[in-house]
N, C-alpha and C. Protein backbone atom coordinates (compact mmCIF):
# COMPACT_ATOMS: atom_id res chain seq x y z
N UNK A 1 4.72 3.12 -10.24
CA UNK A 1 4.76 1.91 -9.44
C UNK A 1 5.78 2.09 -8.32
N UNK A 2 5.61 1.29 -7.29
CA UNK A 2 6.50 1.36 -6.14
C UNK A 2 7.94 1.01 -6.53
N UNK A 3 8.88 1.66 -5.86
CA UNK A 3 10.30 1.41 -6.08
C UNK A 3 10.98 1.22 -4.73
N UNK A 4 12.15 0.63 -4.75
CA UNK A 4 12.92 0.39 -3.52
C UNK A 4 13.12 1.68 -2.74
N UNK A 5 13.40 2.77 -3.42
CA UNK A 5 13.64 4.05 -2.75
C UNK A 5 12.42 4.58 -2.01
N UNK A 6 11.24 4.03 -2.27
CA UNK A 6 10.00 4.46 -1.61
C UNK A 6 9.79 3.82 -0.24
N UNK A 7 10.53 2.78 0.08
CA UNK A 7 10.24 1.98 1.27
C UNK A 7 10.29 2.80 2.56
N UNK A 8 11.31 3.60 2.75
CA UNK A 8 11.43 4.39 3.99
C UNK A 8 10.28 5.38 4.13
N UNK A 9 9.98 6.10 3.06
CA UNK A 9 8.89 7.08 3.10
C UNK A 9 7.54 6.37 3.32
N UNK A 10 7.37 5.22 2.71
CA UNK A 10 6.15 4.44 2.90
C UNK A 10 6.02 4.02 4.36
N UNK A 11 7.07 3.48 4.94
CA UNK A 11 7.04 3.03 6.33
C UNK A 11 6.70 4.19 7.27
N UNK A 12 7.32 5.31 7.09
CA UNK A 12 7.09 6.48 7.96
C UNK A 12 5.63 6.94 7.88
N UNK A 13 5.06 6.95 6.70
CA UNK A 13 3.68 7.44 6.52
C UNK A 13 2.62 6.39 6.81
N UNK A 14 2.99 5.12 6.73
CA UNK A 14 2.03 4.03 6.93
C UNK A 14 1.84 3.70 8.41
N UNK A 15 2.88 3.85 9.18
CA UNK A 15 2.82 3.48 10.60
C UNK A 15 2.86 4.73 11.47
N UNK A 16 2.17 4.76 12.55
CA UNK A 16 1.20 3.75 12.98
C UNK A 16 -0.10 3.87 12.20
N UNK A 17 -0.76 2.76 12.02
CA UNK A 17 -2.04 2.75 11.31
C UNK A 17 -3.14 3.37 12.16
N UNK A 18 -4.05 4.07 11.52
CA UNK A 18 -5.15 4.58 12.32
C UNK A 18 -6.23 3.51 12.45
N UNK A 19 -7.01 3.63 13.50
CA UNK A 19 -7.98 2.59 13.87
C UNK A 19 -9.03 2.33 12.77
N UNK A 20 -9.43 3.37 12.07
CA UNK A 20 -10.43 3.20 11.01
C UNK A 20 -9.86 2.39 9.85
N UNK A 21 -8.62 2.63 9.50
CA UNK A 21 -7.98 1.86 8.44
C UNK A 21 -7.87 0.39 8.83
N UNK A 22 -7.52 0.13 10.06
CA UNK A 22 -7.44 -1.26 10.55
C UNK A 22 -8.81 -1.91 10.44
N UNK A 23 -9.84 -1.20 10.87
CA UNK A 23 -11.20 -1.74 10.83
C UNK A 23 -11.66 -2.02 9.40
N UNK A 24 -11.40 -1.09 8.50
CA UNK A 24 -11.88 -1.22 7.12
C UNK A 24 -11.12 -2.27 6.32
N UNK A 25 -9.84 -2.45 6.62
CA UNK A 25 -9.03 -3.38 5.84
C UNK A 25 -8.89 -4.75 6.48
N UNK A 26 -9.13 -4.82 7.79
CA UNK A 26 -8.96 -6.09 8.49
C UNK A 26 -7.52 -6.47 8.72
N UNK A 27 -6.60 -5.54 8.52
CA UNK A 27 -5.19 -5.87 8.74
C UNK A 27 -4.81 -5.69 10.21
N UNK A 28 -3.66 -6.21 10.56
CA UNK A 28 -3.21 -6.06 11.94
C UNK A 28 -2.81 -4.62 12.20
N UNK A 29 -2.65 -4.27 13.46
CA UNK A 29 -2.44 -2.86 13.81
C UNK A 29 -0.98 -2.40 13.75
N UNK A 30 -0.02 -3.30 13.69
CA UNK A 30 1.39 -2.90 13.66
C UNK A 30 2.15 -3.77 12.66
N UNK A 31 3.09 -3.12 11.99
CA UNK A 31 3.98 -3.82 11.07
C UNK A 31 5.40 -3.38 11.36
N UNK A 32 6.34 -4.30 11.29
CA UNK A 32 7.74 -3.95 11.46
C UNK A 32 8.26 -3.36 10.15
N UNK A 33 9.37 -2.69 10.25
CA UNK A 33 10.00 -2.14 9.05
C UNK A 33 10.37 -3.28 8.09
N UNK A 34 10.81 -4.39 8.63
CA UNK A 34 11.17 -5.54 7.81
C UNK A 34 9.95 -6.09 7.06
N UNK A 35 8.79 -6.15 7.74
CA UNK A 35 7.56 -6.60 7.08
C UNK A 35 7.17 -5.67 5.94
N UNK A 36 7.28 -4.38 6.17
CA UNK A 36 6.96 -3.38 5.15
C UNK A 36 7.92 -3.53 3.96
N UNK A 37 9.20 -3.69 4.26
CA UNK A 37 10.20 -3.85 3.22
C UNK A 37 9.92 -5.09 2.37
N UNK A 38 9.60 -6.19 3.02
CA UNK A 38 9.29 -7.44 2.29
C UNK A 38 8.04 -7.29 1.44
N UNK A 39 7.03 -6.61 1.98
CA UNK A 39 5.79 -6.38 1.23
C UNK A 39 6.06 -5.60 -0.05
N UNK A 40 6.76 -4.49 0.06
CA UNK A 40 7.03 -3.65 -1.10
C UNK A 40 7.90 -4.41 -2.11
N UNK A 41 8.94 -5.07 -1.63
CA UNK A 41 9.83 -5.81 -2.54
C UNK A 41 9.08 -6.92 -3.27
N UNK A 42 8.12 -7.57 -2.61
CA UNK A 42 7.37 -8.63 -3.27
C UNK A 42 6.58 -8.11 -4.46
N UNK A 43 6.11 -6.88 -4.37
CA UNK A 43 5.38 -6.28 -5.49
C UNK A 43 6.34 -5.81 -6.58
N UNK A 44 7.49 -5.33 -6.20
CA UNK A 44 8.45 -4.83 -7.18
C UNK A 44 8.94 -5.96 -8.10
N UNK A 45 9.18 -7.12 -7.55
CA UNK A 45 9.72 -8.23 -8.36
C UNK A 45 8.63 -9.05 -9.06
N UNK A 46 7.39 -8.80 -8.75
CA UNK A 46 6.29 -9.60 -9.29
C UNK A 46 5.85 -9.12 -10.68
N UNK A 47 5.40 -10.07 -11.47
CA UNK A 47 4.81 -9.75 -12.78
C UNK A 47 3.30 -9.87 -12.78
N UNK A 48 2.71 -10.20 -11.61
CA UNK A 48 1.26 -10.40 -11.59
C UNK A 48 0.57 -9.68 -10.44
N UNK A 49 1.23 -8.71 -9.85
CA UNK A 49 0.61 -7.83 -8.86
C UNK A 49 1.37 -6.51 -8.87
N UNK A 50 0.65 -5.42 -8.58
CA UNK A 50 1.24 -4.09 -8.73
C UNK A 50 0.86 -3.22 -7.54
N UNK A 51 1.82 -2.43 -7.09
CA UNK A 51 1.63 -1.52 -5.97
C UNK A 51 1.95 -0.10 -6.43
N UNK A 52 1.01 0.80 -6.18
CA UNK A 52 1.18 2.21 -6.51
C UNK A 52 0.94 3.03 -5.24
N UNK A 53 1.68 4.11 -5.08
CA UNK A 53 1.49 4.97 -3.92
C UNK A 53 0.71 6.21 -4.33
N UNK A 54 -0.11 6.69 -3.42
CA UNK A 54 -0.86 7.93 -3.60
C UNK A 54 -0.04 9.00 -2.90
N UNK A 55 0.31 10.04 -3.63
CA UNK A 55 1.22 11.07 -3.15
C UNK A 55 0.46 12.38 -2.97
N UNK A 56 0.69 13.05 -1.84
CA UNK A 56 0.05 14.35 -1.59
C UNK A 56 0.85 15.45 -2.28
N UNK A 57 0.34 16.66 -2.24
CA UNK A 57 1.02 17.79 -2.86
C UNK A 57 2.37 18.09 -2.23
N UNK A 58 2.54 17.71 -0.96
CA UNK A 58 3.84 17.94 -0.31
C UNK A 58 4.78 16.74 -0.48
N UNK A 59 4.42 15.81 -1.37
CA UNK A 59 5.24 14.65 -1.73
C UNK A 59 5.27 13.56 -0.66
N UNK A 60 4.30 13.56 0.24
CA UNK A 60 4.17 12.50 1.23
C UNK A 60 3.33 11.36 0.66
N UNK A 61 3.64 10.14 1.06
CA UNK A 61 2.81 9.00 0.67
C UNK A 61 1.62 8.97 1.62
N UNK A 62 0.43 9.16 1.07
CA UNK A 62 -0.77 9.22 1.92
C UNK A 62 -1.68 8.02 1.73
N UNK A 63 -1.31 7.14 0.80
CA UNK A 63 -2.12 5.96 0.56
C UNK A 63 -1.47 5.05 -0.46
N UNK A 64 -2.19 4.00 -0.77
CA UNK A 64 -1.68 3.06 -1.78
C UNK A 64 -2.85 2.45 -2.54
N UNK A 65 -2.55 2.00 -3.72
CA UNK A 65 -3.49 1.18 -4.49
C UNK A 65 -2.74 -0.09 -4.87
N UNK A 66 -3.48 -1.16 -4.96
CA UNK A 66 -2.92 -2.47 -5.29
C UNK A 66 -3.79 -3.11 -6.36
N UNK A 67 -3.15 -3.68 -7.34
CA UNK A 67 -3.82 -4.54 -8.30
C UNK A 67 -3.19 -5.92 -8.11
N UNK A 68 -4.00 -6.90 -7.75
CA UNK A 68 -3.48 -8.26 -7.53
C UNK A 68 -4.54 -9.28 -7.90
N UNK A 69 -4.25 -10.53 -7.64
CA UNK A 69 -5.15 -11.63 -8.01
C UNK A 69 -5.57 -11.52 -9.48
N UNK A 70 -4.60 -11.20 -10.31
CA UNK A 70 -4.86 -11.02 -11.73
C UNK A 70 -5.07 -12.38 -12.40
N UNK A 71 -6.18 -12.47 -13.10
CA UNK A 71 -6.48 -13.67 -13.88
C UNK A 71 -6.43 -13.25 -15.35
N UNK A 72 -5.29 -13.51 -15.98
CA UNK A 72 -5.09 -13.08 -17.36
C UNK A 72 -6.02 -13.83 -18.32
N UNK A 73 -6.35 -15.05 -18.00
CA UNK A 73 -7.23 -15.84 -18.87
C UNK A 73 -8.65 -15.26 -18.90
N UNK A 74 -9.21 -15.01 -17.71
CA UNK A 74 -10.58 -14.49 -17.62
C UNK A 74 -10.64 -12.96 -17.63
N UNK A 75 -9.47 -12.34 -17.63
CA UNK A 75 -9.34 -10.88 -17.72
C UNK A 75 -10.05 -10.15 -16.59
N UNK A 76 -9.70 -10.54 -15.36
CA UNK A 76 -10.20 -9.80 -14.20
C UNK A 76 -9.13 -9.79 -13.12
N UNK A 77 -9.29 -8.88 -12.17
CA UNK A 77 -8.31 -8.72 -11.10
C UNK A 77 -8.98 -8.06 -9.90
N UNK A 78 -8.27 -8.04 -8.80
CA UNK A 78 -8.69 -7.35 -7.59
C UNK A 78 -8.00 -5.99 -7.56
N UNK A 79 -8.75 -4.96 -7.19
CA UNK A 79 -8.20 -3.61 -7.04
C UNK A 79 -8.58 -3.11 -5.67
N UNK A 80 -7.62 -2.57 -4.95
CA UNK A 80 -7.96 -1.98 -3.65
C UNK A 80 -7.21 -0.67 -3.48
N UNK A 81 -7.80 0.17 -2.66
CA UNK A 81 -7.22 1.47 -2.38
C UNK A 81 -7.31 1.70 -0.88
N UNK A 82 -6.27 2.31 -0.32
CA UNK A 82 -6.27 2.65 1.11
C UNK A 82 -5.65 4.03 1.28
N UNK A 83 -6.36 4.87 2.00
CA UNK A 83 -5.83 6.18 2.40
C UNK A 83 -5.47 6.05 3.87
N UNK A 84 -4.22 6.29 4.22
CA UNK A 84 -3.70 5.94 5.54
C UNK A 84 -4.26 6.73 6.71
N UNK A 85 -4.44 8.02 6.56
CA UNK A 85 -4.85 8.85 7.69
C UNK A 85 -6.21 9.50 7.42
N UNK A 86 -6.97 9.65 8.47
CA UNK A 86 -8.33 10.17 8.40
C UNK A 86 -8.39 11.55 7.73
N UNK A 87 -7.44 12.43 7.99
CA UNK A 87 -7.52 13.78 7.46
C UNK A 87 -7.41 13.83 5.93
N UNK A 88 -6.97 12.77 5.29
CA UNK A 88 -6.92 12.71 3.82
C UNK A 88 -8.13 11.99 3.23
N UNK A 89 -8.96 11.38 4.06
CA UNK A 89 -10.12 10.64 3.57
C UNK A 89 -11.35 11.51 3.37
N UNK A 90 -11.34 12.70 3.82
CA UNK A 90 -12.52 13.58 3.72
C UNK A 90 -12.61 14.23 2.35
């Protein structure tokens, strides 16, 4: 799971977003370091959503997976995955 020490490496590898990722996810094209920090911290302190990073062989963060919108009663959740750069999506 994501940790505070991951924030800098995540920010460096996540920004700038490539156009295909923006199109596929519907997210905005730029995020500040503060926005990234708040996003990661919100997952770290939460008990009902989880953030995991996808790490390449050279130890770079190349993507993320998220489990959120967890409904413990009905036993279902949302899962998403994003690979940040085109060269890792092939």
